[in-house]
Amino acid sequence: MLLQEKVSIIKLKVKALLKQQQNLQNELLLVQAENEKLKKLLADQTKRIEILEDKNKISKLADGIQLGKRDVTDLKLAINQYIRDIDECLKLLNHYTNNK
């Protein structure tokens, strides 16, 4: 085999490798975009679950008040916990907005 033929074969192989590398790079970008989309969806779903759990707690608390099953101390403790949770959320939101 001539040197020229060997060089041509090597050039073809290099071109094929470059094309494969470009395809893999494109695939990586697609996978990264999908990953970000799924992370956002997960965060949204997690937040929605938290909201629904809070609504469920409030609903149960309201049912307890209406039925008279909870005493005043338990009610005060539950309300205080909600206030602490809200304060913590506000702190986190404040911290997040100040760091952006």
C-alpha atoms as a PDB file:
ATOM      1  CA  MET A   1       0.000   0.000   0.000  1.00  0.00           C
ATOM      2  CA  LEU A   2       1.313   3.364  -0.959  1.00  0.00           C
ATOM      3  CA  LEU A   3       1.960   6.141   1.482  1.00  0.00           C
ATOM      4  CA  GLN A   4      -0.666   8.282  -0.270  1.00  0.00           C
ATOM      5  CA  GLU A   5      -3.297   5.576   0.219  1.00  0.00           C
ATOM      6  CA  LYS A   6      -2.405   5.231   3.891  1.00  0.00           C
ATOM      7  CA  VAL A   7      -2.738   8.983   4.344  1.00  0.00           C
ATOM      8  CA  SER A   8      -6.122   8.933   2.591  1.00  0.00           C
ATOM      9  CA  ILE A   9      -7.345   6.111   4.845  1.00  0.00           C
ATOM     10  CA  ILE A  10      -6.146   7.972   7.933  1.00  0.00           C
ATOM     11  CA  LYS A  11      -7.893  11.161   6.741  1.00  0.00           C
ATOM     12  CA  LEU A  12     -11.135   9.217   6.239  1.00  0.00           C
ATOM     13  CA  LYS A  13     -10.845   7.707   9.710  1.00  0.00           C
ATOM     14  CA  VAL A  14     -10.147  11.117  11.246  1.00  0.00           C
ATOM     15  CA  LYS A  15     -13.176  12.594   9.454  1.00  0.00           C
ATOM     16  CA  ALA A  16     -15.313   9.714  10.696  1.00  0.00           C
ATOM     17  CA  LEU A  17     -14.054  10.235  14.245  1.00  0.00           C
ATOM     18  CA  LEU A  18     -14.713  13.971  14.045  1.00  0.00           C
ATOM     19  CA  LYS A  19     -18.242  13.322  12.788  1.00  0.00           C
ATOM     20  CA  GLN A  20     -18.808  10.801  15.572  1.00  0.00           C
ATOM     21  CA  GLN A  21     -17.452  13.286  18.117  1.00  0.00           C
ATOM     22  CA  GLN A  22     -19.805  15.979  16.790  1.00  0.00           C
ATOM     23  CA  ASN A  23     -22.767  13.587  16.967  1.00  0.00           C
ATOM     24  CA  LEU A  24     -21.872  12.677  20.528  1.00  0.00           C
ATOM     25  CA  GLN A  25     -21.525  16.357  21.417  1.00  0.00           C
ATOM     26  CA  ASN A  26     -24.996  17.062  19.985  1.00  0.00           C
ATOM     27  CA  GLU A  27     -26.425  14.096  21.867  1.00  0.00           C
ATOM     28  CA  LEU A  28     -24.787  15.344  25.073  1.00  0.00           C
ATOM     29  CA  LEU A  29     -26.403  18.758  24.626  1.00  0.00           C
ATOM     30  CA  LEU A  30     -29.801  17.135  24.143  1.00  0.00           C
ATOM     31  CA  VAL A  31     -29.359  14.950  27.201  1.00  0.00           C
ATOM     32  CA  GLN A  32     -28.231  17.924  29.288  1.00  0.00           C
ATOM     33  CA  ALA A  33     -31.270  19.932  28.173  1.00  0.00           C
ATOM     34  CA  GLU A  34     -33.559  17.031  29.037  1.00  0.00           C
ATOM     35  CA  ASN A  35     -31.809  16.667  32.396  1.00  0.00           C
ATOM     36  CA  GLU A  36     -32.440  20.328  33.209  1.00  0.00           C
ATOM     37  CA  LYS A  37     -36.064  19.990  32.132  1.00  0.00           C
ATOM     38  CA  LEU A  38     -36.516  16.945  34.372  1.00  0.00           C
ATOM     39  CA  LYS A  39     -34.827  18.696  37.309  1.00  0.00           C
ATOM     40  CA  LYS A  40     -37.241  21.605  36.933  1.00  0.00           C
ATOM     41  CA  LEU A  41     -40.191  19.224  36.706  1.00  0.00           C
ATOM     42  CA  LEU A  42     -38.986  17.421  39.832  1.00  0.00           C
ATOM     43  CA  ALA A  43     -38.632  20.694  41.728  1.00  0.00           C
ATOM     44  CA  ASP A  44     -42.103  21.796  40.596  1.00  0.00           C
ATOM     45  CA  GLN A  45     -43.637  18.475  41.589  1.00  0.00           C
ATOM     46  CA  THR A  46     -41.870  18.513  44.956  1.00  0.00           C
ATOM     47  CA  LYS A  47     -43.161  22.012  45.636  1.00  0.00           C
ATOM     48  CA  ARG A  48     -46.658  20.974  44.621  1.00  0.00           C
ATOM     49  CA  ILE A  49     -46.520  17.979  46.968  1.00  0.00           C
ATOM     50  CA  GLU A  50     -45.420  20.248  49.819  1.00  0.00           C
ATOM     51  CA  ILE A  51     -48.291  22.629  49.104  1.00  0.00           C
ATOM     52  CA  LEU A  52     -50.799  19.784  48.977  1.00  0.00           C
ATOM     53  CA  GLU A  53     -49.432  18.314  52.215  1.00  0.00           C
ATOM     54  CA  ASP A  54     -49.788  21.711  53.870  1.00  0.00           C
ATOM     55  CA  LYS A  55     -53.353  22.025  52.585  1.00  0.00           C
ATOM     56  CA  ASN A  56     -54.074  18.558  53.919  1.00  0.00           C
ATOM     57  CA  LYS A  57     -52.679  19.507  57.351  1.00  0.00           C
ATOM     58  CA  ILE A  58     -54.760  22.683  57.369  1.00  0.00           C
ATOM     59  CA  SER A  59     -57.847  20.740  56.333  1.00  0.00           C
ATOM     60  CA  LYS A  60     -57.310  18.202  59.111  1.00  0.00           C
ATOM     61  CA  LEU A  61     -56.695  21.020  61.565  1.00  0.00           C
ATOM     62  CA  ALA A  62     -59.893  22.757  60.473  1.00  0.00           C
ATOM     63  CA  ASP A  63     -61.830  19.489  60.797  1.00  0.00           C
ATOM     64  CA  GLY A  64     -60.433  19.067  64.289  1.00  0.00           C
ATOM     65  CA  ILE A  65     -61.541  22.564  65.251  1.00  0.00           C
ATOM     66  CA  GLN A  66     -65.044  22.066  63.880  1.00  0.00           C
ATOM     67  CA  LEU A  67     -65.490  18.742  65.589  1.00  0.00           C
ATOM     68  CA  GLY A  68     -63.933  19.963  68.840  1.00  0.00           C
ATOM     69  CA  LYS A  69     -61.451  17.071  68.923  1.00  0.00           C
ATOM     70  CA  ARG A  70     -58.368  19.216  69.486  1.00  0.00           C
ATOM     71  CA  ASP A  71     -57.753  21.121  72.635  1.00  0.00           C
ATOM     72  CA  VAL A  72     -56.599  24.718  72.603  1.00  0.00           C
ATOM     73  CA  THR A  73     -52.964  23.875  73.446  1.00  0.00           C
ATOM     74  CA  ASP A  74     -52.581  21.541  70.458  1.00  0.00           C
ATOM     75  CA  LEU A  75     -54.159  24.157  68.227  1.00  0.00           C
ATOM     76  CA  LYS A  76     -51.760  26.856  69.456  1.00  0.00           C
ATOM     77  CA  LEU A  77     -48.775  24.544  68.949  1.00  0.00           C
ATOM     78  CA  ALA A  78     -49.872  23.719  65.403  1.00  0.00           C
ATOM     79  CA  ILE A  79     -50.392  27.394  64.544  1.00  0.00           C
ATOM     80  CA  ASN A  80     -46.994  28.296  66.014  1.00  0.00           C
ATOM     81  CA  GLN A  81     -45.366  25.566  63.916  1.00  0.00           C
ATOM     82  CA  TYR A  82     -47.015  26.954  60.778  1.00  0.00           C
ATOM     83  CA  ILE A  83     -45.733  30.417  61.634  1.00  0.00           C
ATOM     84  CA  ARG A  84     -42.191  29.048  62.124  1.00  0.00           C
ATOM     85  CA  ASP A  85     -42.441  27.214  58.788  1.00  0.00           C
ATOM     86  CA  ILE A  86     -43.600  30.390  57.044  1.00  0.00           C
ATOM     87  CA  ASP A  87     -40.773  32.386  58.652  1.00  0.00           C
ATOM     88  CA  GLU A  88     -38.256  29.787  57.477  1.00  0.00           C
ATOM     89  CA  CYS A  89     -39.661  29.951  53.935  1.00  0.00           C
ATOM     90  CA  LEU A  90     -39.415  33.729  53.972  1.00  0.00           C
ATOM     91  CA  LYS A  91     -35.797  33.536  55.162  1.00  0.00           C
ATOM     92  CA  LEU A  92     -34.935  31.106  52.386  1.00  0.00           C
ATOM     93  CA  LEU A  93     -36.662  33.253  49.769  1.00  0.00           C
ATOM     94  CA  ASN A  94     -34.873  36.325  51.069  1.00  0.00           C
ATOM     95  CA  HIS A  95     -31.528  34.535  51.007  1.00  0.00           C
ATOM     96  CA  TYR A  96     -32.191  33.233  47.487  1.00  0.00           C
ATOM     97  CA  THR A  97     -33.175  36.635  46.080  1.00  0.00           C
ATOM     98  CA  ASN A  98     -30.218  38.369  47.751  1.00  0.00           C
ATOM     99  CA  ASN A  99     -27.745  35.881  46.267  1.00  0.00           C
ATOM    100  CA  LYS A 100     -28.980  36.297  42.680  1.00  0.00           C
END
